[in-house]
Amino acid sequence: MAKKKRNEDAQFNSEISIEQRETEGLSLGTIVRRRFLAHRAAIASLIALAVITLLAFTSVGIVIGGNGSLITDPNTGRLAVDGFRVPGWWTYNWYENYDILNPGGTPTMTLWPFSPGEHPFGQDTLGKDIFARVMRGTQQSLTVIFLVGLISTVLGVVIGSVAGFFRGWLDSLLMRFTDTIIIIPTLVLGAVLGRTFGGNAWSLGILLGLIAWTGLARLVRAEFLALREREFVDAARVAGASNFRIIFRHILPNSIGVIVVNATLLMSAAILIETSLSFLGFGITSPDISLGQIISEYNEAFKTRPWLFWYPGLFIVVIALAINFVGDGLRDAFDPRQRRLPRTDGAIQDLKRLIGKRRAGK
């Protein structure tokens, strides 16, 4: 028994040494990148998210400046969007009415043989192209997502790091303010602020970012409370480093895993909140559109023209799932407990060999 125990310990130590040799001399960034690239679901989701973003922003073009309202172009007499518009490769706009091609505005796309047709996602009763509307709605939803992710991450990191590092009365003040924001439902607070100050993607994204940082701030505070007692922080103090340098040069890089992972989770929740607010009429409002507003606009036609719901709903689900899978991949990459040891024959093969040895001994 003692010999068998020693053999098992030797095998375990050899496996650990192999893992250590594989990462020896590599920086943290290289190790994280290798682990993330090994996560197939995260890579596939990242590619899908990049394709959706590229498709949305290149198909119908983008509008820079202006208030997003519809005006009449004095040169052509057609409707146009206020602001400087960079045109895309798609023929139709999201705000104009066109002749209805198929009866009832059914989609012209066929899967076999594949052909997108003139209106692949169909048309509504006024002849508006649903593909153009979905692409514009995806643009607005992605804009809200990235704004929420950026603003809430910055606020959460700053407030959590200051509270966790300095502690005392400043920690109590910041955490009580955080608790006050947390107890108010995000959807209710977002609806009030969205109706008062919102109406477009930029204002809605900024408002949601200003109220979505609370969870990240508490997580960053917990990380700082643990890391501020480590030896490298004491060494930095002895070397004469300022508090600002200790926070942002020594402690914050060691908390980057928690920050990145939770930032992606905030972004996945942001599209659901934006969709809910726009569906209820408190988010992005006409004349601009979002994915939630498209569903709200056509909610009475669910039984007669279901394709008006299929495509905006599909894009909402795919974007939310893709961001969640990317977050899972980042979590596995940054978490040292996710380290994978070299593959062995497996537990079943080990059990079979053990049974075979016992039978041979008999």
Protein backbone atom coordinates (compact mmCIF):
# COMPACT_ATOMS: atom_id res chain seq x y z
CA MET A 1 0.00 0.00 0.00
CA ALA A 2 2.81 2.40 0.88
CA LYS A 3 4.56 1.67 -2.42
CA LYS A 4 1.32 2.25 -4.34
CA LYS A 5 0.81 5.54 -2.51
CA ARG A 6 4.33 6.66 -3.38
CA ASN A 7 3.76 5.77 -7.05
CA GLU A 8 0.55 7.82 -7.13
CA ASP A 9 2.30 10.79 -5.51
CA ALA A 10 5.17 10.53 -7.98
CA GLN A 11 2.74 10.45 -10.92
CA PHE A 12 0.88 13.49 -9.58
CA ASN A 13 4.10 15.43 -9.01
CA SER A 14 5.29 14.57 -12.51
CA GLU A 15 2.02 15.87 -13.96
CA ILE A 16 2.33 19.10 -11.98
CA SER A 17 5.92 19.53 -13.09
CA ILE A 18 4.88 19.03 -16.72
CA GLU A 19 2.24 21.74 -16.36
CA GLN A 20 4.76 24.05 -14.74
CA ARG A 21 7.28 23.40 -17.50
CA GLU A 22 4.64 24.25 -20.12
CA THR A 23 4.07 27.70 -18.60
CA GLU A 24 7.61 28.37 -17.42
CA GLY A 25 8.99 31.65 -18.70
CA LEU A 26 5.64 32.76 -20.17
CA SER A 27 3.99 36.03 -19.24
CA LEU A 28 0.50 36.17 -17.78
CA GLY A 29 -0.81 37.62 -21.04
CA THR A 30 0.58 34.72 -23.05
CA ILE A 31 -0.90 32.14 -20.68
CA VAL A 32 -4.31 33.84 -20.73
CA ARG A 33 -4.26 34.11 -24.50
CA ARG A 34 -3.43 30.40 -24.91
CA ARG A 35 -6.20 29.36 -22.54
CA PHE A 36 -8.73 31.63 -24.22
CA LEU A 37 -7.85 30.39 -27.70
CA ALA A 38 -8.35 26.82 -26.45
CA HIS A 39 -11.98 27.66 -25.51
CA ARG A 40 -13.82 26.78 -28.72
CA ALA A 41 -17.21 28.17 -27.70
CA ALA A 42 -15.66 31.53 -26.77
CA ILE A 43 -13.74 31.78 -30.05
CA ALA A 44 -16.83 30.86 -32.10
CA SER A 45 -18.90 33.41 -30.17
CA LEU A 46 -16.26 36.10 -30.66
CA ILE A 47 -16.25 35.45 -34.41
CA ALA A 48 -20.06 35.52 -34.51
CA LEU A 49 -20.14 38.81 -32.59
CA ALA A 50 -17.55 40.33 -34.93
CA VAL A 51 -19.52 39.21 -38.01
CA ILE A 52 -22.77 40.67 -36.62
CA THR A 53 -21.05 43.97 -35.78
CA LEU A 54 -19.45 44.20 -39.22
CA LEU A 55 -22.72 43.31 -40.94
CA ALA A 56 -24.75 45.83 -38.95
CA PHE A 57 -22.43 48.79 -39.43
CA THR A 58 -21.55 48.22 -43.09
CA SER A 59 -24.91 47.18 -44.52
CA VAL A 60 -27.07 50.27 -43.96
CA GLY A 61 -24.26 52.69 -43.13
CA ILE A 62 -23.87 54.91 -40.09
CA VAL A 63 -25.12 58.38 -39.16
CA ILE A 64 -22.65 60.83 -37.58
CA GLY A 65 -23.97 63.83 -35.70
CA GLY A 66 -27.46 65.24 -35.91
CA ASN A 67 -30.40 64.28 -33.71
CA GLY A 68 -31.52 61.26 -35.72
CA SER A 69 -34.81 62.82 -36.82
CA LEU A 70 -36.18 62.44 -40.34
CA ILE A 71 -35.99 65.42 -42.69
CA THR A 72 -36.74 66.01 -46.36
CA ASP A 73 -33.67 66.22 -48.57
CA PRO A 74 -34.03 69.51 -50.54
CA ASN A 75 -32.05 68.08 -53.47
CA THR A 76 -33.96 64.84 -53.99
CA GLY A 77 -37.20 65.47 -52.13
CA ARG A 78 -36.82 62.09 -50.32
CA LEU A 79 -36.71 61.37 -46.62
CA ALA A 80 -33.27 61.53 -45.02
CA VAL A 81 -31.79 61.27 -41.55
CA ASP A 82 -30.56 64.43 -39.84
CA GLY A 83 -26.78 64.23 -39.64
CA PHE A 84 -23.92 63.14 -41.87
CA ARG A 85 -24.63 59.65 -43.17
CA VAL A 86 -21.98 57.26 -44.40
CA PRO A 87 -23.86 54.99 -46.84
CA GLY A 88 -23.63 51.20 -46.73
CA TRP A 89 -23.80 48.48 -49.37
CA TRP A 90 -27.49 47.62 -48.78
CA THR A 91 -29.88 49.18 -51.30
CA TYR A 92 -32.78 49.98 -48.97
CA ASN A 93 -33.13 52.29 -45.97
CA TRP A 94 -34.77 51.55 -42.64
CA TYR A 95 -37.11 54.57 -42.73
CA GLU A 96 -38.51 54.53 -46.29
CA ASN A 97 -41.52 52.66 -47.71
CA TYR A 98 -41.13 50.50 -50.80
CA ASP A 99 -43.41 48.49 -53.07
CA ILE A 100 -44.40 45.20 -51.49
CA LEU A 101 -43.01 42.35 -53.61
CA ASN A 102 -44.39 39.18 -52.01
CA PRO A 103 -47.99 38.84 -50.84
CA GLY A 104 -48.23 40.03 -47.25
CA GLY A 105 -44.57 41.09 -47.31
CA THR A 106 -43.22 37.58 -46.76
CA PRO A 107 -39.41 37.15 -46.88
CA THR A 108 -37.89 36.71 -50.33
CA MET A 109 -34.97 34.63 -49.02
CA THR A 110 -34.86 30.96 -50.01
CA LEU A 111 -32.52 28.44 -48.40
CA TRP A 112 -32.28 25.93 -51.29
CA PRO A 113 -31.10 27.06 -53.67
CA PHE A 114 -29.91 29.92 -51.51
CA SER A 115 -31.04 33.32 -52.70
CA PRO A 116 -31.52 36.41 -50.48
CA GLY A 117 -33.86 38.16 -52.91
CA GLU A 118 -34.80 41.83 -52.68
CA HIS A 119 -36.11 41.71 -49.09
CA PRO A 120 -34.60 38.65 -47.35
CA PHE A 121 -36.24 39.40 -43.97
CA GLY A 122 -39.54 40.47 -45.52
CA GLN A 123 -41.52 43.73 -45.38
CA ASP A 124 -44.18 45.21 -43.12
CA THR A 125 -47.58 46.48 -44.25
CA LEU A 126 -46.07 49.83 -45.29
CA GLY A 127 -43.35 48.19 -47.37
CA LYS A 128 -40.42 48.96 -45.08
CA ASP A 129 -37.48 46.60 -45.49
CA ILE A 130 -37.11 44.48 -42.33
CA PHE A 131 -33.47 43.62 -43.03
CA ALA A 132 -32.52 47.30 -43.04
CA ARG A 133 -34.55 47.91 -39.88
CA VAL A 134 -32.96 44.95 -38.08
CA MET A 135 -29.48 46.10 -39.08
CA ARG A 136 -30.16 49.63 -37.82
CA GLY A 137 -31.65 48.25 -34.63
CA THR A 138 -28.59 46.04 -34.14
CA GLN A 139 -26.37 49.10 -34.56
CA GLN A 140 -28.22 50.94 -31.81
CA SER A 141 -28.26 47.95 -29.48
CA LEU A 142 -24.52 47.34 -29.94
CA THR A 143 -23.83 51.02 -29.30
CA VAL A 144 -25.72 50.79 -26.00
CA ILE A 145 -23.87 47.60 -25.07
CA PHE A 146 -20.39 49.04 -25.59
CA LEU A 147 -21.24 52.32 -23.84
CA VAL A 148 -22.63 50.47 -20.82
CA GLY A 149 -19.59 48.19 -20.71
CA LEU A 150 -17.13 51.09 -20.90
CA ILE A 151 -18.80 53.51 -18.47
CA SER A 152 -19.85 50.96 -15.86
CA THR A 153 -16.40 49.33 -15.90
CA VAL A 154 -14.60 52.62 -15.34
CA LEU A 155 -16.96 53.67 -12.53
CA GLY A 156 -16.96 50.26 -10.89
CA VAL A 157 -13.17 49.96 -10.95
CA VAL A 158 -12.55 53.46 -9.59
CA ILE A 159 -15.14 53.29 -6.81
CA GLY A 160 -14.32 49.70 -5.82
CA SER A 161 -10.56 50.24 -5.82
CA VAL A 162 -10.73 53.44 -3.76
CA ALA A 163 -13.12 51.86 -1.23
CA GLY A 164 -11.09 48.66 -0.90
CA PHE A 165 -7.69 50.33 -0.66
CA PHE A 166 -8.38 53.21 1.74
CA ARG A 167 -11.16 51.55 3.80
CA GLY A 168 -12.37 53.54 6.81
CA TRP A 169 -15.00 56.24 6.46
CA LEU A 170 -14.42 56.56 2.71
CA ASP A 171 -15.18 52.86 2.24
CA SER A 172 -18.35 53.14 4.32
CA LEU A 173 -19.53 56.20 2.40
CA LEU A 174 -18.95 54.69 -1.04
CA MET A 175 -20.49 51.33 -0.12
CA ARG A 176 -23.60 52.92 1.38
CA PHE A 177 -24.01 54.92 -1.82
CA THR A 178 -23.56 51.68 -3.80
CA ASP A 179 -26.19 49.94 -1.67
CA THR A 180 -28.60 52.79 -2.33
CA ILE A 181 -28.24 52.34 -6.08
CA ILE A 182 -28.52 48.54 -5.81
CA ILE A 183 -31.86 48.52 -3.96
CA ILE A 184 -33.53 50.44 -6.80
CA PRO A 185 -34.52 48.03 -9.62
CA THR A 186 -32.39 48.70 -12.67
CA LEU A 187 -35.34 48.45 -15.05
CA VAL A 188 -37.39 50.98 -13.06
CA LEU A 189 -34.51 53.42 -12.67
CA GLY A 190 -33.59 53.01 -16.34
CA ALA A 191 -37.20 53.62 -17.39
CA VAL A 192 -37.41 56.85 -15.40
CA LEU A 193 -34.08 58.17 -16.64
CA GLY A 194 -34.73 56.93 -20.18
CA ARG A 195 -38.09 58.71 -20.40
CA THR A 196 -36.59 61.91 -18.97
CA PHE A 197 -33.22 62.10 -20.73
CA GLY A 198 -33.16 59.24 -23.26
CA GLY A 199 -34.49 58.77 -26.77
CA ASN A 200 -31.37 57.65 -28.63
CA ALA A 201 -28.65 55.05 -28.24
CA TRP A 202 -25.96 57.37 -26.92
CA SER A 203 -28.02 58.94 -24.16
CA LEU A 204 -29.54 55.59 -23.16
CA GLY A 205 -26.13 53.89 -23.10
CA ILE A 206 -24.65 56.64 -20.91
CA LEU A 207 -27.60 56.54 -18.51
CA LEU A 208 -27.49 52.75 -18.15
CA GLY A 209 -23.72 52.86 -17.68
CA LEU A 210 -24.17 55.31 -14.80
CA ILE A 211 -26.37 52.86 -12.88
CA ALA A 212 -24.93 49.44 -13.85
CA TRP A 213 -21.54 49.66 -12.09
CA THR A 214 -22.61 48.61 -8.59
CA GLY A 215 -21.96 44.86 -8.81
CA LEU A 216 -18.52 45.33 -10.33
CA ALA A 217 -17.60 47.90 -7.67
CA ARG A 218 -18.33 45.43 -4.87
CA LEU A 219 -16.28 42.70 -6.57
CA VAL A 220 -13.31 45.03 -7.15
CA ARG A 221 -13.51 46.20 -3.52
CA ALA A 222 -13.34 42.59 -2.32
CA GLU A 223 -10.29 41.96 -4.51
CA PHE A 224 -8.53 45.07 -3.21
CA LEU A 225 -9.27 44.19 0.42
CA ALA A 226 -7.47 40.87 -0.11
CA LEU A 227 -4.60 42.13 -2.26
CA ARG A 228 -3.71 45.20 -0.18
CA GLU A 229 -2.36 42.89 2.55
CA ARG A 230 0.02 41.02 0.22
CA GLU A 231 3.79 41.28 0.45
CA PHE A 232 4.28 43.03 -2.89
CA VAL A 233 2.12 45.93 -1.68
CA ASP A 234 4.23 46.27 1.48
CA ALA A 235 7.36 46.20 -0.67
CA ALA A 236 5.96 48.98 -2.86
CA ARG A 237 5.22 51.10 0.22
CA VAL A 238 8.74 50.59 1.55
CA ALA A 239 10.11 51.60 -1.85
CA GLY A 240 8.24 54.91 -1.55
CA ALA A 241 5.47 54.31 -4.08
CA SER A 242 2.47 56.61 -3.80
CA ASN A 243 -1.05 55.33 -3.17
CA PHE A 244 -2.01 56.14 -6.74
CA ARG A 245 0.89 54.07 -8.08
CA ILE A 246 0.15 51.16 -5.74
CA ILE A 247 -3.51 51.08 -6.81
CA PHE A 248 -3.05 51.34 -10.55
CA ARG A 249 0.40 49.79 -11.06
CA HIS A 250 0.48 46.98 -8.51
CA ILE A 251 -2.97 45.94 -7.27
CA LEU A 252 -5.18 46.68 -10.28
CA PRO A 253 -3.22 44.46 -12.74
CA ASN A 254 -3.74 41.54 -10.35
CA SER A 255 -7.50 42.15 -10.41
CA ILE A 256 -7.83 42.34 -14.20
CA GLY A 257 -9.40 38.88 -14.45
CA VAL A 258 -12.38 39.78 -12.26
CA ILE A 259 -12.80 43.09 -14.05
CA VAL A 260 -12.73 41.73 -17.61
CA VAL A 261 -15.07 38.83 -16.90
CA ASN A 262 -17.68 40.93 -15.12
CA ALA A 263 -17.47 43.64 -17.77
CA THR A 264 -18.58 41.10 -20.38
CA LEU A 265 -21.43 39.97 -18.13
CA LEU A 266 -22.52 43.59 -17.76
CA MET A 267 -22.58 43.94 -21.53
CA SER A 268 -24.71 40.81 -21.99
CA ALA A 269 -27.20 42.12 -19.42
CA ALA A 270 -27.20 45.54 -21.09
CA ILE A 271 -28.76 44.31 -24.34
CA LEU A 272 -31.59 42.64 -22.41
CA ILE A 273 -32.23 45.82 -20.38
CA GLU A 274 -32.11 47.99 -23.50
CA THR A 275 -34.48 45.63 -25.31
CA SER A 276 -36.91 45.68 -22.39
CA LEU A 277 -36.86 49.46 -22.08
CA SER A 278 -37.32 49.97 -25.82
CA PHE A 279 -40.15 47.42 -25.89
CA LEU A 280 -41.91 49.31 -23.09
CA GLY A 281 -41.34 52.65 -24.83
CA PHE A 282 -38.79 54.05 -22.36
CA GLY A 283 -35.62 53.42 -24.35
CA ILE A 284 -34.77 54.30 -27.94
CA THR A 285 -37.78 56.06 -29.44
CA SER A 286 -38.99 56.91 -32.92
CA PRO A 287 -37.82 58.01 -35.45
CA ASP A 288 -34.79 55.90 -34.51
CA ILE A 289 -35.18 52.18 -33.87
CA SER A 290 -33.71 49.33 -31.85
CA LEU A 291 -34.30 45.59 -31.74
CA GLY A 292 -36.65 45.92 -28.78
CA GLN A 293 -38.60 48.71 -30.46
CA ILE A 294 -39.05 46.61 -33.62
CA ILE A 295 -40.64 43.83 -31.57
CA SER A 296 -42.83 46.36 -29.75
CA GLU A 297 -43.92 48.00 -33.00
CA TYR A 298 -45.05 44.73 -34.56
CA ASN A 299 -46.42 43.00 -31.45
CA GLU A 300 -49.97 42.93 -32.83
CA ALA A 301 -48.88 41.06 -35.97
CA PHE A 302 -47.30 38.09 -34.20
CA LYS A 303 -49.84 35.54 -35.47
CA THR A 304 -50.29 36.89 -38.99
CA ARG A 305 -46.70 37.96 -39.88
CA PRO A 306 -44.33 36.13 -37.51
CA TRP A 307 -41.22 36.93 -39.57
CA LEU A 308 -41.41 40.45 -38.18
CA PHE A 309 -40.39 38.91 -34.82
CA TRP A 310 -38.09 36.09 -35.90
CA TYR A 311 -35.11 38.13 -37.01
CA PRO A 312 -34.91 40.86 -34.32
CA GLY A 313 -35.49 38.18 -31.68
CA LEU A 314 -32.82 35.96 -33.23
CA PHE A 315 -30.25 38.76 -33.20
CA ILE A 316 -31.03 39.58 -29.55
CA VAL A 317 -30.53 35.96 -28.50
CA VAL A 318 -27.37 35.45 -30.56
CA ILE A 319 -25.72 38.65 -29.28
CA ALA A 320 -26.56 37.89 -25.64
CA LEU A 321 -25.34 34.28 -25.90
CA ALA A 322 -22.17 35.27 -27.75
CA ILE A 323 -21.17 37.80 -25.10
CA ASN A 324 -21.91 35.27 -22.33
CA PHE A 325 -19.76 32.61 -24.01
CA VAL A 326 -16.92 35.11 -24.45
CA GLY A 327 -17.23 35.91 -20.75
CA ASP A 328 -17.03 32.20 -19.90
CA GLY A 329 -13.90 31.87 -22.00
CA LEU A 330 -12.27 34.85 -20.29
CA ARG A 331 -13.21 33.48 -16.87
CA ASP A 332 -11.59 30.12 -17.68
CA ALA A 333 -8.52 31.89 -19.06
CA PHE A 334 -7.95 34.16 -16.06
CA ASP A 335 -8.92 31.70 -13.32
CA PRO A 336 -5.85 29.68 -12.26
CA ARG A 337 -8.13 26.95 -10.93
CA GLN A 338 -9.10 26.22 -14.55
CA ARG A 339 -5.57 25.01 -15.31
CA ARG A 340 -5.68 21.78 -17.26
CA LEU A 341 -3.21 19.02 -16.52
CA PRO A 342 -1.83 16.89 -19.34
CA ARG A 343 -4.20 14.21 -20.56
CA THR A 344 -3.86 10.70 -19.19
CA ASP A 345 -5.57 7.50 -20.22
CA GLY A 346 -8.59 8.51 -18.18
CA ALA A 347 -10.22 7.21 -15.00
CA ILE A 348 -12.05 4.39 -16.78
CA GLN A 349 -8.83 3.00 -18.28
CA ASP A 350 -7.11 3.23 -14.88
CA LEU A 351 -9.97 1.29 -13.31
CA LYS A 352 -9.78 -1.37 -16.01
CA ARG A 353 -6.03 -1.79 -15.46
CA LEU A 354 -6.57 -2.10 -11.69
CA ILE A 355 -9.26 -4.78 -12.16
CA GLY A 356 -7.00 -6.64 -14.59
CA LYS A 357 -4.11 -6.65 -12.10
CA ARG A 358 -6.32 -7.99 -9.34
CA ARG A 359 -7.61 -10.76 -11.58
CA ALA A 360 -4.07 -11.63 -12.62
CA GLY A 361 -3.03 -11.78 -8.95
CA LYS A 362 -5.74 -14.35 -8.27
